[in-house]
Amino acid sequence: MKPLAYVIFQLLVLGWAAFAHIRRDPSMTYRLLWLGAFGGVIGLDYWYFANFAYPTGFSF
């Protein structure tokens, strides 16, 4: 459960930072960069879960 809690915390912090920054600079380029950052983080987290944290699958 520890890796899952870390990822949830990570996404909450990134979401808060993105919301705070996008409010100040609403340009489309900036929003797309934040979207790319989220996609990259989610992709890396999925790769980590699938290969290292829960290689045989995840269950509660």
N, C-alpha and C. Protein backbone atom coordinates (compact mmCIF):
# COMPACT_ATOMS: atom_id res chain seq x y z
N MET A 1 0.81 -1.20 0.00
CA MET A 1 0.00 0.00 0.00
C MET A 1 0.85 1.26 0.00
N LYS A 2 2.09 1.17 0.46
CA LYS A 2 2.92 2.36 0.54
C LYS A 2 3.17 2.99 -0.83
N PRO A 3 3.50 2.22 -1.88
CA PRO A 3 3.69 2.85 -3.19
C PRO A 3 2.42 3.52 -3.70
N LEU A 4 1.28 2.92 -3.44
CA LEU A 4 0.01 3.50 -3.88
C LEU A 4 -0.27 4.82 -3.15
N ALA A 5 0.00 4.87 -1.88
CA ALA A 5 -0.19 6.11 -1.11
C ALA A 5 0.75 7.21 -1.63
N TYR A 6 1.97 6.85 -1.97
CA TYR A 6 2.91 7.82 -2.51
C TYR A 6 2.40 8.40 -3.82
N VAL A 7 1.88 7.55 -4.70
CA VAL A 7 1.39 8.02 -6.00
C VAL A 7 0.18 8.93 -5.82
N ILE A 8 -0.71 8.58 -4.92
CA ILE A 8 -1.87 9.44 -4.67
C ILE A 8 -1.42 10.80 -4.16
N PHE A 9 -0.49 10.81 -3.22
CA PHE A 9 0.05 12.07 -2.71
C PHE A 9 0.71 12.87 -3.82
N GLN A 10 1.48 12.20 -4.65
CA GLN A 10 2.18 12.85 -5.76
C GLN A 10 1.19 13.52 -6.72
N LEU A 11 0.13 12.83 -7.08
CA LEU A 11 -0.85 13.38 -8.00
C LEU A 11 -1.64 14.53 -7.36
N LEU A 12 -1.91 14.45 -6.07
CA LEU A 12 -2.59 15.56 -5.39
C LEU A 12 -1.72 16.82 -5.38
N VAL A 13 -0.43 16.66 -5.09
CA VAL A 13 0.47 17.82 -5.06
C VAL A 13 0.60 18.41 -6.47
N LEU A 14 0.77 17.57 -7.48
CA LEU A 14 0.86 18.07 -8.84
C LEU A 14 -0.44 18.76 -9.27
N GLY A 15 -1.58 18.20 -8.88
CA GLY A 15 -2.86 18.82 -9.22
C GLY A 15 -3.01 20.18 -8.57
N TRP A 16 -2.62 20.29 -7.31
CA TRP A 16 -2.69 21.57 -6.63
C TRP A 16 -1.77 22.59 -7.29
N ALA A 17 -0.56 22.19 -7.62
CA ALA A 17 0.40 23.10 -8.25
C ALA A 17 -0.10 23.52 -9.64
N ALA A 18 -0.63 22.59 -10.40
CA ALA A 18 -1.14 22.92 -11.73
C ALA A 18 -2.30 23.91 -11.63
N PHE A 19 -3.22 23.66 -10.70
CA PHE A 19 -4.35 24.56 -10.54
C PHE A 19 -3.89 25.96 -10.17
N ALA A 20 -2.94 26.05 -9.26
CA ALA A 20 -2.44 27.36 -8.83
C ALA A 20 -1.74 28.09 -9.97
N HIS A 21 -0.98 27.38 -10.78
CA HIS A 21 -0.25 28.02 -11.86
C HIS A 21 -1.14 28.35 -13.04
N ILE A 22 -2.06 27.48 -13.39
CA ILE A 22 -2.93 27.72 -14.55
C ILE A 22 -3.85 28.90 -14.28
N ARG A 23 -4.21 29.13 -13.04
CA ARG A 23 -5.04 30.30 -12.72
C ARG A 23 -4.30 31.59 -13.06
N ARG A 24 -2.97 31.60 -12.90
CA ARG A 24 -2.19 32.80 -13.17
C ARG A 24 -1.85 32.96 -14.65
N ASP A 25 -1.65 31.86 -15.36
CA ASP A 25 -1.27 31.92 -16.78
C ASP A 25 -2.14 30.93 -17.55
N PRO A 26 -3.27 31.38 -18.06
CA PRO A 26 -4.20 30.44 -18.69
C PRO A 26 -3.91 30.14 -20.16
N SER A 27 -2.69 30.40 -20.63
CA SER A 27 -2.39 30.16 -22.04
C SER A 27 -2.49 28.67 -22.37
N MET A 28 -2.87 28.37 -23.60
CA MET A 28 -3.07 26.98 -24.01
C MET A 28 -1.76 26.20 -23.98
N THR A 29 -0.65 26.82 -24.34
CA THR A 29 0.64 26.14 -24.31
C THR A 29 0.98 25.69 -22.89
N TYR A 30 0.75 26.56 -21.95
CA TYR A 30 1.05 26.23 -20.56
C TYR A 30 0.17 25.08 -20.07
N ARG A 31 -1.10 25.10 -20.44
CA ARG A 31 -2.00 24.02 -20.05
C ARG A 31 -1.57 22.70 -20.67
N LEU A 32 -1.14 22.74 -21.92
CA LEU A 32 -0.69 21.51 -22.58
C LEU A 32 0.59 20.97 -21.94
N LEU A 33 1.46 21.86 -21.50
CA LEU A 33 2.67 21.42 -20.80
C LEU A 33 2.32 20.73 -19.49
N TRP A 34 1.36 21.28 -18.74
CA TRP A 34 0.93 20.64 -17.51
C TRP A 34 0.28 19.30 -17.79
N LEU A 35 -0.52 19.23 -18.84
CA LEU A 35 -1.15 17.97 -19.21
C LEU A 35 -0.09 16.92 -19.57
N GLY A 36 0.96 17.34 -20.28
CA GLY A 36 2.06 16.44 -20.60
C GLY A 36 2.79 15.97 -19.35
N ALA A 37 2.96 16.88 -18.39
CA ALA A 37 3.62 16.50 -17.13
C ALA A 37 2.78 15.46 -16.39
N PHE A 38 1.48 15.66 -16.33
CA PHE A 38 0.62 14.67 -15.69
C PHE A 38 0.69 13.34 -16.42
N GLY A 39 0.64 13.37 -17.74
CA GLY A 39 0.73 12.13 -18.52
C GLY A 39 2.03 11.40 -18.27
N GLY A 40 3.13 12.14 -18.18
CA GLY A 40 4.42 11.53 -17.92
C GLY A 40 4.48 10.91 -16.54
N VAL A 41 3.97 11.60 -15.55
CA VAL A 41 3.99 11.07 -14.19
C VAL A 41 3.11 9.82 -14.09
N ILE A 42 1.93 9.88 -14.67
CA ILE A 42 1.04 8.72 -14.62
C ILE A 42 1.65 7.54 -15.37
N GLY A 43 2.28 7.81 -16.52
CA GLY A 43 2.94 6.74 -17.27
C GLY A 43 4.08 6.11 -16.49
N LEU A 44 4.90 6.92 -15.85
CA LEU A 44 6.01 6.38 -15.05
C LEU A 44 5.49 5.61 -13.84
N ASP A 45 4.42 6.11 -13.22
CA ASP A 45 3.84 5.38 -12.08
C ASP A 45 3.29 4.04 -12.53
N TYR A 46 2.61 3.99 -13.65
CA TYR A 46 2.09 2.73 -14.16
C TYR A 46 3.23 1.76 -14.44
N TRP A 47 4.29 2.25 -15.07
CA TRP A 47 5.45 1.40 -15.37
C TRP A 47 6.05 0.85 -14.08
N TYR A 48 6.17 1.70 -13.05
CA TYR A 48 6.72 1.27 -11.77
C TYR A 48 5.84 0.21 -11.12
N PHE A 49 4.54 0.45 -11.09
CA PHE A 49 3.62 -0.53 -10.50
C PHE A 49 3.66 -1.85 -11.23
N ALA A 50 3.61 -1.81 -12.56
CA ALA A 50 3.54 -3.04 -13.35
C ALA A 50 4.83 -3.85 -13.27
N ASN A 51 5.98 -3.20 -13.12
CA ASN A 51 7.25 -3.91 -13.18
C ASN A 51 7.91 -4.16 -11.83
N PHE A 52 7.66 -3.31 -10.84
CA PHE A 52 8.40 -3.43 -9.59
C PHE A 52 7.51 -3.55 -8.35
N ALA A 53 6.55 -2.66 -8.18
CA ALA A 53 5.76 -2.65 -6.95
C ALA A 53 4.80 -3.82 -6.87
N TYR A 54 4.08 -4.07 -7.94
CA TYR A 54 3.07 -5.14 -7.95
C TYR A 54 3.19 -5.95 -9.24
N PRO A 55 4.31 -6.67 -9.44
CA PRO A 55 4.51 -7.37 -10.71
C PRO A 55 3.52 -8.49 -10.97
N THR A 56 2.93 -9.05 -9.93
CA THR A 56 1.98 -10.15 -10.13
C THR A 56 0.53 -9.68 -10.13
N GLY A 57 0.32 -8.39 -10.03
CA GLY A 57 -1.04 -7.84 -10.00
C GLY A 57 -1.31 -7.18 -8.67
N PHE A 58 -2.35 -6.40 -8.65
CA PHE A 58 -2.69 -5.63 -7.46
C PHE A 58 -4.06 -6.09 -6.95
N SER A 59 -4.15 -6.29 -5.64
CA SER A 59 -5.44 -6.58 -5.02
C SER A 59 -5.44 -6.01 -3.62
N PHE A 60 -6.59 -5.58 -3.17
CA PHE A 60 -6.72 -5.05 -1.82
C PHE A 60 -6.75 -6.19 -0.89
